[in-house]
C-alpha atoms as a PDB file:
ATOM      1  CA  MET A   1     149.388 118.967  97.860  1.00  0.00           C
ATOM      2  CA  LYS A   2     151.702 118.850  94.845  1.00  0.00           C
ATOM      3  CA  MET A   3     154.287 116.065  94.728  1.00  0.00           C
ATOM      4  CA  ASN A   4     157.863 116.762  93.717  1.00  0.00           C
ATOM      5  CA  THR A   5     157.875 115.192  90.247  1.00  0.00           C
ATOM      6  CA  ALA A   6     160.475 117.416  88.585  1.00  0.00           C
ATOM      7  CA  ASN A   7     163.224 114.836  88.818  1.00  0.00           C
ATOM      8  CA  MET A   8     161.391 111.483  88.931  1.00  0.00           C
ATOM      9  CA  ARG A   9     163.933 109.609  86.801  1.00  0.00           C
ATOM     10  CA  GLY A  10     167.163 111.424  87.585  1.00  0.00           C
ATOM     11  CA  ALA A  11     169.252 111.785  90.691  1.00  0.00           C
ATOM     12  CA  PRO A  12     167.440 112.784  93.873  1.00  0.00           C
ATOM     13  CA  SER A  13     167.496 116.443  94.825  1.00  0.00           C
ATOM     14  CA  ARG A  14     169.665 117.654  97.661  1.00  0.00           C
ATOM     15  CA  ALA A  15     166.535 118.066  99.801  1.00  0.00           C
ATOM     16  CA  THR A  16     165.528 114.471  99.034  1.00  0.00           C
ATOM     17  CA  VAL A  17     168.926 113.112 100.080  1.00  0.00           C
ATOM     18  CA  GLN A  18     168.960 115.253 103.232  1.00  0.00           C
ATOM     19  CA  THR A  19     165.434 114.130 104.130  1.00  0.00           C
ATOM     20  CA  TRP A  20     166.364 110.491 103.531  1.00  0.00           C
ATOM     21  CA  ALA A  21     169.425 110.730 105.777  1.00  0.00           C
ATOM     22  CA  ARG A  22     167.486 112.439 108.552  1.00  0.00           C
ATOM     23  CA  LEU A  23     164.568 110.013 108.291  1.00  0.00           C
ATOM     24  CA  VAL A  24     166.881 107.000 108.605  1.00  0.00           C
ATOM     25  CA  LYS A  25     168.845 108.533 111.493  1.00  0.00           C
ATOM     26  CA  ALA A  26     165.706 109.626 113.359  1.00  0.00           C
ATOM     27  CA  SER A  27     164.104 106.217 112.903  1.00  0.00           C
ATOM     28  CA  GLN A  28     167.190 104.366 114.123  1.00  0.00           C
ATOM     29  CA  THR A  29     167.686 106.716 117.068  1.00  0.00           C
ATOM     30  CA  ILE A  30     164.094 106.471 118.272  1.00  0.00           C
ATOM     31  CA  ILE A  31     163.801 102.714 117.761  1.00  0.00           C
ATOM     32  CA  ASN A  32     167.131 102.054 119.495  1.00  0.00           C
ATOM     33  CA  GLY A  33     166.132 104.225 122.460  1.00  0.00           C
ATOM     34  CA  VAL A  34     162.720 102.602 122.840  1.00  0.00           C
ATOM     35  CA  GLU A  35     164.141  99.095 122.329  1.00  0.00           C
ATOM     36  CA  SER A  36     166.812  99.732 124.968  1.00  0.00           C
ATOM     37  CA  GLU A  37     164.227 100.802 127.538  1.00  0.00           C
ATOM     38  CA  VAL A  38     161.870  97.914 126.808  1.00  0.00           C
ATOM     39  CA  GLN A  39     164.601  95.284 126.964  1.00  0.00           C
ATOM     40  CA  GLY A  40     166.168  97.035 129.972  1.00  0.00           C
ATOM     41  CA  ALA A  41     162.862  96.444 131.774  1.00  0.00           C
ATOM     42  CA  GLY A  42     163.233  92.714 131.115  1.00  0.00           C
ATOM     43  CA  PHE A  43     160.921  92.383 128.125  1.00  0.00           C
ATOM     44  CA  PRO A  44     161.588  90.704 124.772  1.00  0.00           C
ATOM     45  CA  PRO A  45     162.492  92.708 121.625  1.00  0.00           C
ATOM     46  CA  LEU A  46     159.985  95.069 119.992  1.00  0.00           C
ATOM     47  CA  ASP A  47     159.515  92.630 117.074  1.00  0.00           C
ATOM     48  CA  TRP A  48     157.957  90.220 119.549  1.00  0.00           C
ATOM     49  CA  TYR A  49     155.496  92.880 120.711  1.00  0.00           C
ATOM     50  CA  ASP A  50     154.464  93.700 117.145  1.00  0.00           C
ATOM     51  CA  ILE A  51     153.911  90.026 116.348  1.00  0.00           C
ATOM     52  CA  LEU A  52     151.951  89.398 119.536  1.00  0.00           C
ATOM     53  CA  LEU A  53     149.804  92.457 118.856  1.00  0.00           C
ATOM     54  CA  GLU A  54     148.930  91.303 115.330  1.00  0.00           C
ATOM     55  CA  LEU A  55     148.165  87.773 116.527  1.00  0.00           C
ATOM     56  CA  ASP A  56     145.981  89.177 119.312  1.00  0.00           C
ATOM     57  CA  ARG A  57     144.123  91.346 116.789  1.00  0.00           C
ATOM     58  CA  ALA A  58     143.600  88.296 114.565  1.00  0.00           C
ATOM     59  CA  GLY A  59     141.572  86.603 117.282  1.00  0.00           C
ATOM     60  CA  SER A  60     141.055  82.883 117.675  1.00  0.00           C
ATOM     61  CA  GLY A  61     141.534  82.202 113.953  1.00  0.00           C
ATOM     62  CA  GLY A  62     145.178  83.244 114.099  1.00  0.00           C
ATOM     63  CA  LEU A  63     147.221  84.087 111.028  1.00  0.00           C
ATOM     64  CA  ARG A  64     149.141  82.159 108.419  1.00  0.00           C
ATOM     65  CA  PRO A  65     152.852  83.027 108.409  1.00  0.00           C
ATOM     66  CA  LEU A  66     152.572  84.961 105.124  1.00  0.00           C
ATOM     67  CA  GLN A  67     149.720  87.055 106.519  1.00  0.00           C
ATOM     68  CA  LEU A  68     151.744  87.846 109.628  1.00  0.00           C
ATOM     69  CA  GLN A  69     154.806  88.632 107.531  1.00  0.00           C
ATOM     70  CA  GLU A  70     152.828  91.180 105.511  1.00  0.00           C
ATOM     71  CA  LYS A  71     151.442  92.842 108.642  1.00  0.00           C
ATOM     72  CA  VAL A  72     154.724  93.222 110.538  1.00  0.00           C
ATOM     73  CA  GLY A  73     157.202  93.546 107.680  1.00  0.00           C
ATOM     74  CA  VAL A  74     159.581  90.838 108.902  1.00  0.00           C
ATOM     75  CA  ALA A  75     161.388  88.814 106.246  1.00  0.00           C
ATOM     76  CA  GLN A  76     160.184  85.196 105.922  1.00  0.00           C
ATOM     77  CA  TYR A  77     163.498  83.639 106.949  1.00  0.00           C
ATOM     78  CA  ASN A  78     163.597  85.812 110.084  1.00  0.00           C
ATOM     79  CA  LEU A  79     159.940  85.218 110.891  1.00  0.00           C
ATOM     80  CA  SER A  80     160.330  81.446 110.865  1.00  0.00           C
ATOM     81  CA  ARG A  81     163.170  81.522 113.417  1.00  0.00           C
ATOM     82  CA  LEU A  82     161.387  84.159 115.467  1.00  0.00           C
ATOM     83  CA  MET A  83     158.214  82.038 115.604  1.00  0.00           C
ATOM     84  CA  ASP A  84     160.234  79.055 116.795  1.00  0.00           C
ATOM     85  CA  ARG A  85     161.724  81.137 119.649  1.00  0.00           C
ATOM     86  CA  MET A  86     158.354  82.629 120.570  1.00  0.00           C
ATOM     87  CA  ALA A  87     156.703  79.186 120.540  1.00  0.00           C
ATOM     88  CA  LYS A  88     159.491  77.831 122.752  1.00  0.00           C
ATOM     89  CA  ALA A  89     158.871  80.752 125.148  1.00  0.00           C
ATOM     90  CA  GLY A  90     155.180  79.769 125.252  1.00  0.00           C
ATOM     91  CA  MET A  91     153.891  82.993 123.667  1.00  0.00           C
ATOM     92  CA  VAL A  92     152.786  81.626 120.296  1.00  0.00           C
ATOM     93  CA  ASP A  93     151.109  78.400 119.193  1.00  0.00           C
ATOM     94  CA  LYS A  94     151.744  76.824 115.812  1.00  0.00           C
ATOM     95  CA  GLY A  95     148.718  74.800 114.815  1.00  0.00           C
ATOM     96  CA  PRO A  96     147.754  72.947 111.660  1.00  0.00           C
ATOM     97  CA  CYS A  97     146.059  74.947 108.942  1.00  0.00           C
ATOM     98  CA  PRO A  98     142.542  73.632 108.298  1.00  0.00           C
ATOM     99  CA  ASP A  99     142.751  74.581 104.590  1.00  0.00           C
ATOM    100  CA  ASP A 100     146.261  73.332 103.856  1.00  0.00           C
ATOM    101  CA  ARG A 101     147.722  70.296 105.611  1.00  0.00           C
ATOM    102  CA  ARG A 102     151.269  71.413 104.773  1.00  0.00           C
ATOM    103  CA  GLY A 103     150.812  74.861 106.302  1.00  0.00           C
ATOM    104  CA  HIS A 104     150.199  76.087 109.798  1.00  0.00           C
ATOM    105  CA  VAL A 105     148.406  78.859 111.643  1.00  0.00           C
ATOM    106  CA  LEU A 106     149.986  81.022 114.306  1.00  0.00           C
ATOM    107  CA  SER A 107     148.036  82.193 117.324  1.00  0.00           C
ATOM    108  CA  ILE A 108     148.800  84.027 120.545  1.00  0.00           C
ATOM    109  CA  THR A 109     148.735  82.140 123.840  1.00  0.00           C
ATOM    110  CA  GLU A 110     147.600  83.439 127.228  1.00  0.00           C
ATOM    111  CA  THR A 111     151.291  83.847 128.119  1.00  0.00           C
ATOM    112  CA  GLY A 112     151.715  85.979 125.007  1.00  0.00           C
ATOM    113  CA  ARG A 113     148.679  88.095 125.931  1.00  0.00           C
ATOM    114  CA  ALA A 114     150.052  88.611 129.433  1.00  0.00           C
ATOM    115  CA  ILE A 115     153.407  89.803 128.043  1.00  0.00           C
ATOM    116  CA  LEU A 116     151.598  92.120 125.633  1.00  0.00           C
ATOM    117  CA  ARG A 117     149.649  93.724 128.504  1.00  0.00           C
ATOM    118  CA  LYS A 118     152.723  94.058 130.732  1.00  0.00           C
ATOM    119  CA  MET A 119     154.931  95.433 127.961  1.00  0.00           C
ATOM    120  CA  TRP A 120     152.647  98.213 126.758  1.00  0.00           C
ATOM    121  CA  PRO A 121     153.064 100.613 129.708  1.00  0.00           C
ATOM    122  CA  VAL A 122     156.862 100.450 129.375  1.00  0.00           C
ATOM    123  CA  TYR A 123     156.720 100.623 125.572  1.00  0.00           C
ATOM    124  CA  SER A 124     154.301 103.565 125.490  1.00  0.00           C
ATOM    125  CA  ALA A 125     156.283 105.533 128.097  1.00  0.00           C
ATOM    126  CA  ALA A 126     159.446 104.993 126.048  1.00  0.00           C
ATOM    127  CA  ILE A 127     157.677 106.194 122.881  1.00  0.00           C
ATOM    128  CA  GLN A 128     156.627 109.321 124.736  1.00  0.00           C
ATOM    129  CA  ARG A 129     160.183 109.987 126.002  1.00  0.00           C
ATOM    130  CA  HIS A 130     161.885 109.377 122.660  1.00  0.00           C
ATOM    131  CA  LEU A 131     159.294 110.994 120.387  1.00  0.00           C
ATOM    132  CA  GLY A 132     156.266 112.530 122.073  1.00  0.00           C
ATOM    133  CA  VAL A 133     158.070 115.101 124.217  1.00  0.00           C
ATOM    134  CA  LYS A 134     160.284 116.274 121.352  1.00  0.00           C
ATOM    135  CA  LEU A 135     157.509 117.545 119.059  1.00  0.00           C
ATOM    136  CA  SER A 136     154.321 119.531 119.560  1.00  0.00           C
ATOM    137  CA  GLU A 137     150.971 117.825 119.009  1.00  0.00           C
ATOM    138  CA  GLY A 138     150.615 119.720 115.712  1.00  0.00           C
ATOM    139  CA  ASP A 139     154.086 118.627 114.609  1.00  0.00           C
ATOM    140  CA  LEU A 140     153.260 115.015 115.475  1.00  0.00           C
ATOM    141  CA  GLN A 141     150.044 115.156 113.446  1.00  0.00           C
ATOM    142  CA  MET A 142     151.874 116.673 110.461  1.00  0.00           C
ATOM    143  CA  LEU A 143     154.673 114.108 110.687  1.00  0.00           C
ATOM    144  CA  ALA A 144     152.125 111.283 110.854  1.00  0.00           C
ATOM    145  CA  LEU A 145     150.414 112.680 107.750  1.00  0.00           C
ATOM    146  CA  LEU A 146     153.692 112.974 105.823  1.00  0.00           C
ATOM    147  CA  LEU A 147     154.925 109.534 106.844  1.00  0.00           C
ATOM    148  CA  GLY A 148     151.542 108.115 105.870  1.00  0.00           C
ATOM    149  CA  ARG A 149     152.079 109.436 102.351  1.00  0.00           C
ATOM    150  CA  LEU A 150     155.407 107.626 102.189  1.00  0.00           C
ATOM    151  CA  THR A 151     153.841 104.327 103.166  1.00  0.00           C
ATOM    152  CA  GLU A 152     150.741 104.497 100.962  1.00  0.00           C
ATOM    153  CA  GLN A 153     150.464 101.745  98.393  1.00  0.00           C
ATOM    154  CA  ARG A 154     150.301 103.097  94.861  1.00  0.00           C
END
């Protein structure tokens, strides 16, 4: 598929600006709706779920903070405070890094795994209500393809 390269250095086209505005609004609307349902059910914020999921996927070796930051897209200064809160809640362990005595490794606890398992049914149902029922399966596949192009590393 041909990319729109006609105006790479100039101002964005009207279609580009309109797409940008709609993408931002759609993203905010869906995330806010899902977040509201998940927290309304008594669970922590979605950022916590994403972090727990990545730590669970990492297995027993855990992740260094920079690795986790890259996977979830949370700024370093936010991640540090978030890890402190999650450790205090018993969901994350901060252990010493075997390769670097100054650093540490983050890993999920059994409490964190339990929250992850309990959260998913509420989270997935909210995703379905705020996104899945609004588009056909073909539309969802096309949107996933297009959004994938936007997030590809060049």
